[in-house]
């Protein structure tokens, strides 16, 4: 059912799609790689925060890889999304991929956008979200604020995401930048409530005013928060396998996917880092069906909610 049903993915990191299999394929095609696939294989299975950190450390050379090195990664990922009949996807990428000179960055990103359109082949629409790590120094937040607006004006990005493991600190220091981006028309996504209590969610709502929350598990520990999120029509990006692998939930039956559906909270089903957690959009849908008995009508509801929560208002094509 899931390979032939149209899908939307809103929460996936480009770095997170890298797997030993993708690196093997790129090397066989004659393209250069930055990490030996066998070295990456040694990091599996990726379990817990320590396991995920180790996986990221091995992929260190890709953390600042140029577009040329990331292009075959993107190609492999878009091909896989099309195979799964994902018709719309937003991918999180880092500004460190590109030159930090604004004019050069715009030119490099325009070329990256052209590559993306070629890879889409009229079968999927892919848009980009720039990430802002929670650990980012304030000077770099200030630097990126205007750059992201210019990228958005050029039609190159659709949103900004505050990412990274929650450290217990408030996101208040991002409030000015987030407000500036929001006023410029960028969508706002904030990773919150994954490994932390509902206090993290309250802080996110107070200072971030997000359109979407990544993970958001602890929302469902607080009935008042659920009502608040629902009334504000904030969309939740669920990532079941990621949450299991990192220990955010110990048993899939504890995941709030079914509660969100029953309570009428808007949400999507996503992979987060499919290369790390050995999952796909299809497998996440299948996992949800097997664990919670989601029906075809339920998946249609999820599809409609996911598409409505996109940051790009214009749809170029849509084949379901």
Protein backbone atom coordinates (compact mmCIF):
# COMPACT_ATOMS: atom_id res chain seq x y z
CA UNK A 1 0.00 0.00 0.00
CA UNK A 2 2.66 2.46 1.00
CA UNK A 3 4.78 2.33 -2.14
CA UNK A 4 1.83 3.36 -4.31
CA UNK A 5 0.25 5.96 -2.01
CA UNK A 6 1.35 9.59 -2.28
CA UNK A 7 3.41 10.84 0.65
CA UNK A 8 4.87 14.03 2.06
CA UNK A 9 8.06 14.34 4.13
CA UNK A 10 8.80 17.50 6.11
CA UNK A 11 11.56 16.46 8.52
CA UNK A 12 14.76 15.05 7.03
CA UNK A 13 18.38 16.23 7.30
CA UNK A 14 20.47 15.89 4.15
CA UNK A 15 23.49 14.81 6.20
CA UNK A 16 21.26 12.20 7.81
CA UNK A 17 20.51 10.36 4.56
CA UNK A 18 24.13 9.20 4.21
CA UNK A 19 24.55 5.45 4.65
CA UNK A 20 27.26 2.92 3.78
CA UNK A 21 25.09 1.74 0.88
CA UNK A 22 24.80 5.25 -0.57
CA UNK A 23 28.56 5.76 -0.24
CA UNK A 24 29.19 2.41 -1.96
CA UNK A 25 26.90 3.42 -4.82
CA UNK A 26 28.56 6.82 -5.22
CA UNK A 27 32.00 5.23 -5.32
CA UNK A 28 30.88 2.66 -7.91
CA UNK A 29 29.60 5.53 -10.06
CA UNK A 30 33.07 7.07 -10.00
CA UNK A 31 32.16 10.07 -7.84
CA UNK A 32 34.44 11.03 -4.93
CA UNK A 33 33.47 10.23 -1.35
CA UNK A 34 34.79 11.70 1.89
CA UNK A 35 34.24 8.73 4.24
CA UNK A 36 35.07 5.06 3.76
CA UNK A 37 31.78 3.08 3.82
CA UNK A 38 33.41 0.42 6.00
CA UNK A 39 34.26 3.02 8.63
CA UNK A 40 30.64 4.13 8.68
CA UNK A 41 29.39 0.53 8.88
CA UNK A 42 31.26 0.17 12.16
CA UNK A 43 28.85 2.70 13.72
CA UNK A 44 25.76 0.51 13.25
CA UNK A 45 23.33 -0.03 14.82
CA UNK A 46 22.98 3.63 15.79
CA UNK A 47 21.47 3.47 19.27
CA UNK A 48 21.19 6.11 21.96
CA UNK A 49 22.76 9.56 22.08
CA UNK A 50 26.26 8.08 22.27
CA UNK A 51 25.72 5.92 19.19
CA UNK A 52 24.28 8.82 17.22
CA UNK A 53 27.17 11.07 18.25
CA UNK A 54 29.65 8.45 17.08
CA UNK A 55 27.85 8.19 13.73
CA UNK A 56 28.01 11.97 13.33
CA UNK A 57 31.69 12.04 14.24
CA UNK A 58 32.53 9.52 11.52
CA UNK A 59 30.65 11.71 9.04
CA UNK A 60 32.61 14.75 10.19
CA UNK A 61 34.12 15.37 6.72
CA UNK A 62 30.59 15.74 5.33
CA UNK A 63 29.62 18.31 7.95
CA UNK A 64 31.26 21.02 5.84
CA UNK A 65 31.22 19.28 2.47
CA UNK A 66 30.84 21.49 -0.61
CA UNK A 67 27.85 21.12 -2.95
CA UNK A 68 29.95 19.01 -5.33
CA UNK A 69 30.38 16.29 -2.70
CA UNK A 70 26.76 16.51 -1.56
CA UNK A 71 25.25 16.42 -5.04
CA UNK A 72 25.44 12.59 -5.42
CA UNK A 73 24.06 12.25 -1.89
CA UNK A 74 21.10 14.41 -2.90
CA UNK A 75 20.69 12.45 -6.13
CA UNK A 76 20.52 9.12 -4.32
CA UNK A 77 18.03 10.52 -1.82
CA UNK A 78 15.67 12.08 -4.36
CA UNK A 79 15.72 8.87 -6.41
CA UNK A 80 14.70 6.95 -3.29
CA UNK A 81 11.94 9.44 -2.46
CA UNK A 82 10.50 9.13 -5.96
CA UNK A 83 10.59 5.33 -5.69
CA UNK A 84 8.47 5.61 -2.54
CA UNK A 85 6.04 8.00 -4.25
CA UNK A 86 6.92 10.94 -2.04
CA UNK A 87 5.47 13.85 -3.99
CA UNK A 88 6.64 16.73 -1.80
CA UNK A 89 9.67 16.95 0.50
CA UNK A 90 11.45 19.60 2.53
CA UNK A 91 15.09 18.87 3.31
CA UNK A 92 17.16 20.50 6.03
CA UNK A 93 20.62 21.63 5.00
CA UNK A 94 23.45 23.59 6.58
CA UNK A 95 24.63 27.00 5.35
CA UNK A 96 28.20 25.72 5.81
CA UNK A 97 27.76 23.84 2.51
CA UNK A 98 28.11 27.13 0.68
CA UNK A 99 30.49 30.07 0.57
CA UNK A 100 29.83 32.57 3.35
CA UNK A 101 30.10 35.50 0.94
CA UNK A 102 26.46 36.32 0.18
CA UNK A 103 26.81 36.85 -3.58
CA UNK A 104 28.82 33.66 -3.98
CA UNK A 105 26.40 31.79 -1.74
CA UNK A 106 23.48 32.89 -3.91
CA UNK A 107 25.23 31.71 -7.08
CA UNK A 108 26.17 28.37 -5.55
CA UNK A 109 22.68 27.83 -4.20
CA UNK A 110 21.11 28.75 -7.54
CA UNK A 111 23.20 26.02 -9.16
CA UNK A 112 22.19 23.62 -6.38
CA UNK A 113 18.56 24.51 -7.05
CA UNK A 114 19.03 23.77 -10.78
CA UNK A 115 20.52 20.38 -9.92
CA UNK A 116 17.50 19.70 -7.72
CA UNK A 117 15.02 20.54 -10.46
CA UNK A 118 16.83 18.18 -12.84
CA UNK A 119 16.71 15.40 -10.24
CA UNK A 120 13.02 16.00 -9.55
CA UNK A 121 12.15 15.18 -13.16
CA UNK A 122 8.62 16.53 -12.64
CA UNK A 123 7.83 13.68 -10.23
CA UNK A 124 8.48 15.34 -6.88
CA UNK A 125 8.86 18.83 -5.46
CA UNK A 126 11.85 19.37 -3.17
CA UNK A 127 12.33 22.50 -1.06
CA UNK A 128 15.05 23.51 1.40
CA UNK A 129 15.14 24.60 5.04
CA UNK A 130 18.28 26.14 6.55
CA UNK A 131 19.30 24.80 9.95
CA UNK A 132 20.36 26.85 12.96
CA UNK A 133 22.05 24.66 15.62
CA UNK A 134 21.08 25.44 19.20
CA UNK A 135 24.81 25.65 19.96
CA UNK A 136 25.47 28.30 17.28
CA UNK A 137 27.34 31.35 18.56
CA UNK A 138 25.26 34.52 18.61
CA UNK A 139 27.59 36.24 16.14
CA UNK A 140 26.78 33.57 13.55
CA UNK A 141 23.05 33.80 14.25
CA UNK A 142 23.24 37.53 13.55
CA UNK A 143 25.30 36.91 10.42
CA UNK A 144 22.85 34.35 9.06
CA UNK A 145 19.72 36.38 9.76
CA UNK A 146 19.98 38.62 6.69
CA UNK A 147 21.56 35.92 4.52
CA UNK A 148 18.60 33.62 5.00
CA UNK A 149 16.21 36.42 4.07
CA UNK A 150 18.10 37.01 0.83
CA UNK A 151 18.06 33.28 0.05
CA UNK A 152 14.31 33.28 0.63
CA UNK A 153 13.79 36.34 -1.59
CA UNK A 154 15.67 34.52 -4.32
CA UNK A 155 13.30 31.56 -3.99
CA UNK A 156 16.03 29.23 -2.74
CA UNK A 157 14.85 28.35 0.78
CA UNK A 158 11.40 28.18 2.34
CA UNK A 159 12.14 28.01 6.06
CA UNK A 160 14.52 27.93 9.00
CA UNK A 161 14.85 25.17 11.60
CA UNK A 162 16.37 25.39 15.08
CA UNK A 163 17.99 21.97 15.46
CA UNK A 164 20.16 19.93 17.79
CA UNK A 165 19.76 18.12 21.09
CA UNK A 166 18.04 20.25 23.70
CA UNK A 167 20.44 21.41 26.38
CA UNK A 168 17.97 22.82 28.89
CA UNK A 169 18.67 26.38 27.81
CA UNK A 170 15.97 28.74 26.61
CA UNK A 171 15.77 29.64 22.93
CA UNK A 172 15.07 33.24 23.91
CA UNK A 173 18.35 34.34 22.34
CA UNK A 174 16.99 33.23 18.95
CA UNK A 175 13.74 35.16 19.35
CA UNK A 176 14.79 38.29 17.42
CA UNK A 177 16.17 36.29 14.47
CA UNK A 178 13.13 34.00 14.39
CA UNK A 179 10.78 36.98 14.39
CA UNK A 180 12.78 38.64 11.59
CA UNK A 181 12.64 35.48 9.48
CA UNK A 182 8.93 34.99 10.18
CA UNK A 183 8.12 38.55 9.12
CA UNK A 184 10.09 37.98 5.92
CA UNK A 185 7.84 35.01 5.08
CA UNK A 186 10.07 32.11 6.11
CA UNK A 187 8.48 29.12 7.81
CA UNK A 188 9.75 28.42 11.33
CA UNK A 189 10.45 24.91 12.61
CA UNK A 190 11.92 24.15 16.04
CA UNK A 191 13.12 20.77 17.30
CA UNK A 192 11.69 20.46 20.81
CA UNK A 193 10.24 17.99 23.30
CA UNK A 194 12.25 15.03 22.05
CA UNK A 195 14.27 14.10 25.14
CA UNK A 196 12.99 16.85 27.43
CA UNK A 197 9.88 17.70 29.42
CA UNK A 198 6.98 19.88 28.35
CA UNK A 199 8.88 22.89 29.71
CA UNK A 200 10.95 22.85 26.52
CA UNK A 201 7.76 23.06 24.49
CA UNK A 202 6.46 25.97 26.53
CA UNK A 203 9.75 27.81 26.02
CA UNK A 204 9.53 27.10 22.28
CA UNK A 205 6.00 28.49 22.07
CA UNK A 206 6.87 31.56 24.16
CA UNK A 207 9.94 32.65 22.22
CA UNK A 208 9.79 30.83 18.89
CA UNK A 209 6.16 30.98 17.69
CA UNK A 210 6.87 28.05 15.35
CA UNK A 211 4.71 26.88 12.49
CA UNK A 212 5.99 23.36 13.11
CA UNK A 213 7.66 21.46 15.95
CA UNK A 214 10.09 18.64 15.29
CA UNK A 215 9.47 15.52 17.42
CA UNK A 216 7.30 17.22 20.07
CA UNK A 217 6.82 14.06 22.13
CA UNK A 218 6.42 15.78 25.49
CA UNK A 219 3.53 17.88 24.21
CA UNK A 220 1.35 14.89 24.88
CA UNK A 221 2.31 14.74 28.55
CA UNK A 222 0.31 17.93 29.14
CA UNK A 223 -3.35 18.24 28.14
CA UNK A 224 -3.19 22.04 28.21
CA UNK A 225 -0.25 22.00 25.80
CA UNK A 226 -2.11 19.68 23.45
CA UNK A 227 -5.03 22.12 23.39
CA UNK A 228 -2.68 25.06 22.84
CA UNK A 229 -0.85 23.39 19.97
CA UNK A 230 -4.11 22.31 18.36
CA UNK A 231 -5.69 25.76 18.68
CA UNK A 232 -2.62 27.40 17.17
CA UNK A 233 -2.66 24.79 14.38
CA UNK A 234 1.01 23.97 15.00
CA UNK A 235 2.07 20.94 13.00
CA UNK A 236 4.12 18.16 14.66
CA UNK A 237 6.82 16.35 12.70
CA UNK A 238 6.94 12.83 14.16
CA UNK A 239 9.98 10.59 13.51
CA UNK A 240 9.16 7.18 15.05
CA UNK A 241 12.30 5.16 14.24
CA UNK A 242 14.54 8.05 15.20
CA UNK A 243 12.77 8.33 18.55
CA UNK A 244 13.16 4.61 19.17
CA UNK A 245 16.82 4.49 18.19
CA UNK A 246 17.82 7.50 20.28
CA UNK A 247 15.82 6.30 23.27
CA UNK A 248 13.32 9.17 23.25
CA UNK A 249 10.71 6.39 23.53
CA UNK A 250 11.56 2.91 24.77
CA UNK A 251 8.61 1.20 23.09
CA UNK A 252 6.78 2.30 19.97
CA UNK A 253 3.51 1.74 21.81
CA UNK A 254 4.46 4.71 23.99
CA UNK A 255 4.81 7.00 20.99
CA UNK A 256 2.06 9.66 20.78
CA UNK A 257 1.29 9.06 17.09
CA UNK A 258 -2.09 7.46 17.76
CA UNK A 259 -3.00 9.98 20.46
CA UNK A 260 -2.24 12.82 18.06
CA UNK A 261 -4.54 11.29 15.46
CA UNK A 262 -7.34 10.72 17.96
CA UNK A 263 -6.97 14.25 19.39
CA UNK A 264 -7.04 15.93 15.99
CA UNK A 265 -3.49 17.33 16.19
CA UNK A 266 -1.90 17.98 12.80
CA UNK A 267 1.18 15.82 12.23
CA UNK A 268 3.38 14.15 9.64
CA UNK A 269 5.42 10.92 9.64
CA UNK A 270 9.10 11.43 8.81
CA UNK A 271 12.50 9.75 8.80
CA UNK A 272 14.70 12.46 10.39
CA UNK A 273 18.00 10.70 9.54
CA UNK A 274 17.17 7.64 7.42
CA UNK A 275 20.83 6.79 6.85
CA UNK A 276 21.50 6.63 10.57
CA UNK A 277 18.30 4.91 11.65
CA UNK A 278 18.01 2.53 8.67
CA UNK A 279 14.48 3.57 7.79
CA UNK A 280 12.54 5.09 4.91
CA UNK A 281 9.34 7.03 4.45
CA UNK A 282 7.60 3.79 3.47
CA UNK A 283 8.95 1.85 6.43
CA UNK A 284 7.84 4.62 8.82
CA UNK A 285 4.33 4.43 7.42
CA UNK A 286 4.37 0.64 7.68
CA UNK A 287 5.65 0.87 11.25
CA UNK A 288 2.79 3.19 12.11
CA UNK A 289 0.26 0.88 10.53
CA UNK A 290 1.61 -2.21 12.28
CA UNK A 291 1.84 -0.56 15.72
CA UNK A 292 -1.35 1.50 15.70
CA UNK A 293 -3.58 0.02 13.04
CA UNK A 294 -3.66 3.16 10.91
CA UNK A 295 -6.11 2.75 8.03
CA UNK A 296 -5.92 4.07 4.44
CA UNK A 297 -8.25 6.89 5.52
CA UNK A 298 -5.92 7.74 8.40
CA UNK A 299 -2.97 7.99 6.00
CA UNK A 300 -5.04 10.21 3.71
CA UNK A 301 -5.66 12.52 6.67
CA UNK A 302 -1.95 12.55 7.51
CA UNK A 303 -1.09 13.27 3.87
CA UNK A 304 -3.54 16.19 3.74
CA UNK A 305 -2.26 17.62 7.03
CA UNK A 306 1.36 17.23 5.96
CA UNK A 307 0.85 18.94 2.63
CA UNK A 308 -1.08 21.77 4.29
CA UNK A 309 1.85 22.31 6.70
CA UNK A 310 4.44 22.82 3.94
CA UNK A 311 6.45 26.04 3.89
CA UNK A 312 6.31 26.49 0.11
CA UNK A 313 2.85 27.82 -0.82
CA UNK A 314 3.31 27.13 -4.53
CA UNK A 315 3.01 23.59 -5.83
CA UNK A 316 4.66 23.13 -9.23
CA UNK A 317 3.19 19.69 -9.83
CA UNK A 318 1.55 17.06 -7.73
CA UNK A 319 1.13 13.44 -8.76
CA UNK A 320 -0.52 11.25 -6.13
